[in-house]
C-alpha atoms as a PDB file:
ATOM      1  CA  UNK A   1     -12.233  35.016 -27.992  1.00  0.00           C
ATOM      2  CA  UNK A   2     -15.084  34.298 -30.422  1.00  0.00           C
ATOM      3  CA  UNK A   3     -17.707  35.418 -27.896  1.00  0.00           C
ATOM      4  CA  UNK A   4     -15.732  38.572 -27.154  1.00  0.00           C
ATOM      5  CA  UNK A   5     -15.857  39.569 -30.835  1.00  0.00           C
ATOM      6  CA  UNK A   6     -19.559  38.736 -31.081  1.00  0.00           C
ATOM      7  CA  UNK A   7     -20.157  40.840 -27.955  1.00  0.00           C
ATOM      8  CA  UNK A   8     -18.196  43.793 -29.328  1.00  0.00           C
ATOM      9  CA  UNK A   9     -20.079  43.512 -32.627  1.00  0.00           C
ATOM     10  CA  UNK A  10     -23.379  43.544 -30.686  1.00  0.00           C
ATOM     11  CA  UNK A  11     -22.220  46.675 -28.853  1.00  0.00           C
ATOM     12  CA  UNK A  12     -21.207  48.419 -32.061  1.00  0.00           C
ATOM     13  CA  UNK A  13     -24.474  47.581 -33.794  1.00  0.00           C
ATOM     14  CA  UNK A  14     -26.320  48.623 -30.622  1.00  0.00           C
ATOM     15  CA  UNK A  15     -24.663  52.027 -30.748  1.00  0.00           C
ATOM     16  CA  UNK A  16     -24.777  52.531 -34.528  1.00  0.00           C
ATOM     17  CA  UNK A  17     -28.429  51.483 -34.765  1.00  0.00           C
ATOM     18  CA  UNK A  18     -29.369  54.779 -33.113  1.00  0.00           C
ATOM     19  CA  UNK A  19     -27.797  56.820 -35.938  1.00  0.00           C
ATOM     20  CA  UNK A  20     -30.607  56.439 -38.521  1.00  0.00           C
ATOM     21  CA  UNK A  21     -33.176  57.088 -35.801  1.00  0.00           C
ATOM     22  CA  UNK A  22     -31.334  60.207 -34.657  1.00  0.00           C
ATOM     23  CA  UNK A  23     -30.988  61.464 -38.238  1.00  0.00           C
ATOM     24  CA  UNK A  24     -34.680  60.840 -38.945  1.00  0.00           C
ATOM     25  CA  UNK A  25     -35.556  62.658 -35.712  1.00  0.00           C
ATOM     26  CA  UNK A  26     -33.399  65.644 -36.663  1.00  0.00           C
ATOM     27  CA  UNK A  27     -35.127  65.716 -40.071  1.00  0.00           C
ATOM     28  CA  UNK A  28     -38.459  65.531 -38.193  1.00  0.00           C
ATOM     29  CA  UNK A  29     -39.445  62.288 -39.899  1.00  0.00           C
ATOM     30  CA  UNK A  30     -39.318  60.281 -36.657  1.00  0.00           C
ATOM     31  CA  UNK A  31     -40.845  61.470 -33.399  1.00  0.00           C
ATOM     32  CA  UNK A  32     -39.572  59.524 -30.372  1.00  0.00           C
ATOM     33  CA  UNK A  33     -42.073  58.920 -27.582  1.00  0.00           C
ATOM     34  CA  UNK A  34     -40.424  60.760 -24.657  1.00  0.00           C
ATOM     35  CA  UNK A  35     -41.637  58.558 -21.827  1.00  0.00           C
ATOM     36  CA  UNK A  36     -40.567  55.346 -23.590  1.00  0.00           C
ATOM     37  CA  UNK A  37     -37.067  56.652 -24.186  1.00  0.00           C
ATOM     38  CA  UNK A  38     -36.749  57.903 -20.594  1.00  0.00           C
ATOM     39  CA  UNK A  39     -37.867  54.511 -19.300  1.00  0.00           C
ATOM     40  CA  UNK A  40     -35.442  52.702 -21.606  1.00  0.00           C
ATOM     41  CA  UNK A  41     -32.561  54.979 -20.630  1.00  0.00           C
ATOM     42  CA  UNK A  42     -33.060  54.477 -16.900  1.00  0.00           C
ATOM     43  CA  UNK A  43     -33.619  50.757 -17.328  1.00  0.00           C
ATOM     44  CA  UNK A  44     -30.553  50.421 -19.553  1.00  0.00           C
ATOM     45  CA  UNK A  45     -28.355  51.586 -16.711  1.00  0.00           C
ATOM     46  CA  UNK A  46     -30.115  49.228 -14.297  1.00  0.00           C
ATOM     47  CA  UNK A  47     -29.660  46.347 -16.760  1.00  0.00           C
ATOM     48  CA  UNK A  48     -25.945  47.114 -17.100  1.00  0.00           C
ATOM     49  CA  UNK A  49     -25.512  47.094 -13.325  1.00  0.00           C
ATOM     50  CA  UNK A  50     -27.522  43.933 -12.732  1.00  0.00           C
ATOM     51  CA  UNK A  51     -25.841  42.047 -15.591  1.00  0.00           C
ATOM     52  CA  UNK A  52     -22.431  43.039 -14.240  1.00  0.00           C
ATOM     53  CA  UNK A  53     -23.472  41.772 -10.818  1.00  0.00           C
ATOM     54  CA  UNK A  54     -24.522  38.432 -12.341  1.00  0.00           C
ATOM     55  CA  UNK A  55     -21.171  38.029 -14.092  1.00  0.00           C
ATOM     56  CA  UNK A  56     -21.884  39.181 -17.638  1.00  0.00           C
ATOM     57  CA  UNK A  57     -18.797  39.913 -19.694  1.00  0.00           C
ATOM     58  CA  UNK A  58     -18.890  39.642 -23.488  1.00  0.00           C
ATOM     59  CA  UNK A  59     -22.688  39.903 -23.644  1.00  0.00           C
ATOM     60  CA  UNK A  60     -22.564  43.180 -21.701  1.00  0.00           C
ATOM     61  CA  UNK A  61     -21.342  45.056 -24.802  1.00  0.00           C
ATOM     62  CA  UNK A  62     -24.845  44.822 -26.307  1.00  0.00           C
ATOM     63  CA  UNK A  63     -26.471  46.443 -23.280  1.00  0.00           C
ATOM     64  CA  UNK A  64     -23.824  49.175 -23.060  1.00  0.00           C
ATOM     65  CA  UNK A  65     -24.116  49.974 -26.789  1.00  0.00           C
ATOM     66  CA  UNK A  66     -27.899  50.082 -26.733  1.00  0.00           C
ATOM     67  CA  UNK A  67     -27.942  52.191 -23.569  1.00  0.00           C
ATOM     68  CA  UNK A  68     -25.601  54.737 -25.164  1.00  0.00           C
ATOM     69  CA  UNK A  69     -27.888  55.011 -28.197  1.00  0.00           C
ATOM     70  CA  UNK A  70     -30.994  55.093 -26.031  1.00  0.00           C
ATOM     71  CA  UNK A  71     -29.570  57.911 -23.924  1.00  0.00           C
ATOM     72  CA  UNK A  72     -28.825  59.981 -27.035  1.00  0.00           C
ATOM     73  CA  UNK A  73     -32.348  59.428 -28.403  1.00  0.00           C
ATOM     74  CA  UNK A  74     -33.941  60.295 -25.054  1.00  0.00           C
ATOM     75  CA  UNK A  75     -32.028  63.563 -24.880  1.00  0.00           C
ATOM     76  CA  UNK A  76     -33.095  64.364 -28.442  1.00  0.00           C
ATOM     77  CA  UNK A  77     -36.719  63.446 -27.642  1.00  0.00           C
ATOM     78  CA  UNK A  78     -36.848  66.232 -25.064  1.00  0.00           C
ATOM     79  CA  UNK A  79     -36.524  68.657 -27.953  1.00  0.00           C
ATOM     80  CA  UNK A  80     -38.164  66.849 -30.890  1.00  0.00           C
ATOM     81  CA  UNK A  81     -40.194  64.067 -29.314  1.00  0.00           C
ATOM     82  CA  UNK A  82     -43.849  63.437 -28.735  1.00  0.00           C
ATOM     83  CA  UNK A  83     -45.938  62.613 -25.696  1.00  0.00           C
ATOM     84  CA  UNK A  84     -45.605  63.696 -22.141  1.00  0.00           C
ATOM     85  CA  UNK A  85     -45.274  61.947 -18.880  1.00  0.00           C
ATOM     86  CA  UNK A  86     -48.495  60.258 -17.872  1.00  0.00           C
ATOM     87  CA  UNK A  87     -49.467  58.413 -14.741  1.00  0.00           C
ATOM     88  CA  UNK A  88     -48.503  55.171 -16.514  1.00  0.00           C
ATOM     89  CA  UNK A  89     -45.016  56.586 -17.167  1.00  0.00           C
ATOM     90  CA  UNK A  90     -44.605  57.568 -13.519  1.00  0.00           C
ATOM     91  CA  UNK A  91     -45.744  54.097 -12.404  1.00  0.00           C
ATOM     92  CA  UNK A  92     -43.180  52.527 -14.759  1.00  0.00           C
ATOM     93  CA  UNK A  93     -40.347  54.568 -13.276  1.00  0.00           C
ATOM     94  CA  UNK A  94     -41.519  53.797  -9.739  1.00  0.00           C
ATOM     95  CA  UNK A  95     -41.517  50.071 -10.585  1.00  0.00           C
ATOM     96  CA  UNK A  96     -37.959  50.412 -11.893  1.00  0.00           C
ATOM     97  CA  UNK A  97     -36.964  52.090  -8.616  1.00  0.00           C
ATOM     98  CA  UNK A  98     -38.640  49.266  -6.687  1.00  0.00           C
ATOM     99  CA  UNK A  99     -36.530  46.830  -8.705  1.00  0.00           C
ATOM    100  CA  UNK A 100     -33.369  48.581  -7.583  1.00  0.00           C
ATOM    101  CA  UNK A 101     -34.547  48.592  -3.950  1.00  0.00           C
ATOM    102  CA  UNK A 102     -35.419  44.876  -4.135  1.00  0.00           C
ATOM    103  CA  UNK A 103     -31.967  44.213  -5.583  1.00  0.00           C
ATOM    104  CA  UNK A 104     -30.326  46.240  -2.809  1.00  0.00           C
ATOM    105  CA  UNK A 105     -32.297  44.512  -0.045  1.00  0.00           C
ATOM    106  CA  UNK A 106     -32.002  40.955  -1.388  1.00  0.00           C
ATOM    107  CA  UNK A 107     -28.570  41.306  -2.974  1.00  0.00           C
ATOM    108  CA  UNK A 108     -30.016  39.361  -5.920  1.00  0.00           C
ATOM    109  CA  UNK A 109     -29.436  41.117  -9.244  1.00  0.00           C
ATOM    110  CA  UNK A 110     -31.785  38.731 -11.074  1.00  0.00           C
ATOM    111  CA  UNK A 111     -34.780  40.392  -9.382  1.00  0.00           C
ATOM    112  CA  UNK A 112     -33.722  43.791 -10.664  1.00  0.00           C
ATOM    113  CA  UNK A 113     -33.119  42.343 -14.128  1.00  0.00           C
ATOM    114  CA  UNK A 114     -36.574  40.771 -14.385  1.00  0.00           C
ATOM    115  CA  UNK A 115     -38.306  43.852 -12.995  1.00  0.00           C
ATOM    116  CA  UNK A 116     -36.300  45.875 -15.536  1.00  0.00           C
ATOM    117  CA  UNK A 117     -37.534  43.643 -18.349  1.00  0.00           C
ATOM    118  CA  UNK A 118     -41.148  43.941 -17.157  1.00  0.00           C
ATOM    119  CA  UNK A 119     -40.978  47.726 -16.901  1.00  0.00           C
ATOM    120  CA  UNK A 120     -39.105  47.985 -20.200  1.00  0.00           C
ATOM    121  CA  UNK A 121     -41.986  46.116 -21.793  1.00  0.00           C
ATOM    122  CA  UNK A 122     -44.287  48.966 -20.735  1.00  0.00           C
ATOM    123  CA  UNK A 123     -42.097  51.382 -22.714  1.00  0.00           C
ATOM    124  CA  UNK A 124     -42.186  48.990 -25.667  1.00  0.00           C
ATOM    125  CA  UNK A 125     -45.983  48.910 -25.536  1.00  0.00           C
ATOM    126  CA  UNK A 126     -46.144  52.729 -25.533  1.00  0.00           C
ATOM    127  CA  UNK A 127     -43.940  52.874 -28.633  1.00  0.00           C
ATOM    128  CA  UNK A 128     -45.722  49.965 -30.351  1.00  0.00           C
ATOM    129  CA  UNK A 129     -49.069  51.734 -29.916  1.00  0.00           C
ATOM    130  CA  UNK A 130     -47.626  54.955 -31.345  1.00  0.00           C
ATOM    131  CA  UNK A 131     -45.948  53.011 -34.175  1.00  0.00           C
ATOM    132  CA  UNK A 132     -49.250  51.367 -35.093  1.00  0.00           C
ATOM    133  CA  UNK A 133     -51.178  54.625 -34.989  1.00  0.00           C
ATOM    134  CA  UNK A 134     -48.447  56.665 -36.740  1.00  0.00           C
ATOM    135  CA  UNK A 135     -46.198  54.159 -38.541  1.00  0.00           C
ATOM    136  CA  UNK A 136     -44.326  56.908 -40.386  1.00  0.00           C
ATOM    137  CA  UNK A 137     -43.178  58.326 -37.057  1.00  0.00           C
ATOM    138  CA  UNK A 138     -40.727  55.467 -36.454  1.00  0.00           C
ATOM    139  CA  UNK A 139     -37.496  54.419 -38.170  1.00  0.00           C
ATOM    140  CA  UNK A 140     -37.912  50.744 -39.076  1.00  0.00           C
ATOM    141  CA  UNK A 141     -34.217  50.055 -39.679  1.00  0.00           C
ATOM    142  CA  UNK A 142     -33.333  50.944 -36.075  1.00  0.00           C
ATOM    143  CA  UNK A 143     -35.782  48.399 -34.707  1.00  0.00           C
ATOM    144  CA  UNK A 144     -34.498  45.731 -37.123  1.00  0.00           C
ATOM    145  CA  UNK A 145     -30.903  46.421 -36.068  1.00  0.00           C
ATOM    146  CA  UNK A 146     -31.971  46.175 -32.438  1.00  0.00           C
ATOM    147  CA  UNK A 147     -33.303  42.664 -33.054  1.00  0.00           C
ATOM    148  CA  UNK A 148     -29.871  41.867 -34.489  1.00  0.00           C
ATOM    149  CA  UNK A 149     -28.113  43.197 -31.389  1.00  0.00           C
ATOM    150  CA  UNK A 150     -30.324  41.013 -29.214  1.00  0.00           C
ATOM    151  CA  UNK A 151     -29.419  37.937 -31.251  1.00  0.00           C
ATOM    152  CA  UNK A 152     -25.706  38.804 -31.100  1.00  0.00           C
ATOM    153  CA  UNK A 153     -25.957  39.584 -27.380  1.00  0.00           C
ATOM    154  CA  UNK A 154     -27.554  36.194 -26.743  1.00  0.00           C
ATOM    155  CA  UNK A 155     -24.786  34.414 -28.647  1.00  0.00           C
ATOM    156  CA  UNK A 156     -22.132  36.440 -26.796  1.00  0.00           C
ATOM    157  CA  UNK A 157     -23.260  34.965 -23.469  1.00  0.00           C
ATOM    158  CA  UNK A 158     -21.223  31.958 -24.617  1.00  0.00           C
ATOM    159  CA  UNK A 159     -23.037  29.353 -22.534  1.00  0.00           C
ATOM    160  CA  UNK A 160     -26.561  28.445 -21.540  1.00  0.00           C
ATOM    161  CA  UNK A 161     -27.298  30.876 -18.719  1.00  0.00           C
ATOM    162  CA  UNK A 162     -30.993  31.827 -18.551  1.00  0.00           C
ATOM    163  CA  UNK A 163     -30.330  34.894 -16.373  1.00  0.00           C
ATOM    164  CA  UNK A 164     -27.696  36.377 -18.694  1.00  0.00           C
ATOM    165  CA  UNK A 165     -29.664  35.399 -21.807  1.00  0.00           C
ATOM    166  CA  UNK A 166     -32.943  36.883 -20.521  1.00  0.00           C
ATOM    167  CA  UNK A 167     -32.243  40.514 -21.391  1.00  0.00           C
ATOM    168  CA  UNK A 168     -30.892  40.017 -24.944  1.00  0.00           C
ATOM    169  CA  UNK A 169     -33.733  37.590 -25.733  1.00  0.00           C
ATOM    170  CA  UNK A 170     -36.213  40.117 -24.383  1.00  0.00           C
ATOM    171  CA  UNK A 171     -34.622  42.776 -26.657  1.00  0.00           C
ATOM    172  CA  UNK A 172     -35.321  40.507 -29.644  1.00  0.00           C
ATOM    173  CA  UNK A 173     -38.960  39.988 -28.642  1.00  0.00           C
ATOM    174  CA  UNK A 174     -39.735  43.608 -27.734  1.00  0.00           C
ATOM    175  CA  UNK A 175     -38.225  45.047 -30.888  1.00  0.00           C
ATOM    176  CA  UNK A 176     -39.947  42.427 -33.031  1.00  0.00           C
ATOM    177  CA  UNK A 177     -43.236  43.664 -31.525  1.00  0.00           C
ATOM    178  CA  UNK A 178     -42.454  47.262 -32.490  1.00  0.00           C
ATOM    179  CA  UNK A 179     -41.522  46.124 -36.021  1.00  0.00           C
ATOM    180  CA  UNK A 180     -44.818  44.252 -36.246  1.00  0.00           C
ATOM    181  CA  UNK A 181     -46.723  47.338 -35.044  1.00  0.00           C
ATOM    182  CA  UNK A 182     -45.018  49.507 -37.683  1.00  0.00           C
ATOM    183  CA  UNK A 183     -45.823  47.018 -40.443  1.00  0.00           C
ATOM    184  CA  UNK A 184     -49.441  46.557 -39.322  1.00  0.00           C
ATOM    185  CA  UNK A 185     -49.832  50.321 -39.036  1.00  0.00           C
ATOM    186  CA  UNK A 186     -48.490  50.816 -42.570  1.00  0.00           C
ATOM    187  CA  UNK A 187     -50.837  48.125 -43.849  1.00  0.00           C
ATOM    188  CA  UNK A 188     -53.801  49.776 -42.098  1.00  0.00           C
ATOM    189  CA  UNK A 189     -52.787  53.179 -43.542  1.00  0.00           C
ATOM    190  CA  UNK A 190     -52.598  51.760 -47.091  1.00  0.00           C
ATOM    191  CA  UNK A 191     -56.113  50.320 -46.772  1.00  0.00           C
ATOM    192  CA  UNK A 192     -57.565  53.611 -45.520  1.00  0.00           C
END
């Protein structure tokens, strides 16, 4: 029961973490990078499916919560976001589709999960670059909360299972990189 509650908490934080980002976007303080949020939305649904196929239960709440928030931010980015859809973005989405095909052909959800993580990292790099160049265009608290959901999601796995722990641990690492980019960007801006 403990892991269930940790999982639900991860899902709630994963959903609620989007609120400050959405509010900052509506107030035009934050400008979501459209391609990143599209990639993360598509990959969130792939991650949910592949984790379900690998037997995730309590840890799945984190992925569902984050995917709900990601979907809302992506939809908002269409109106108030920045960036377009470059060749790199198209390649990322094609790689995600390949992951689904590989999963379908091999019947091994772990392949889709690891391809999802790799492609997701491309979206994280796009946002980290933007966060470094324009640190005021990101909402730091959302990225910090996302690290927390990754930690809670990892704990909610409830046992040592590298496949089920891979996605929440990746969430911790990717969001820590965006936080670092924001902080380095702010430091660079103060020096200039």
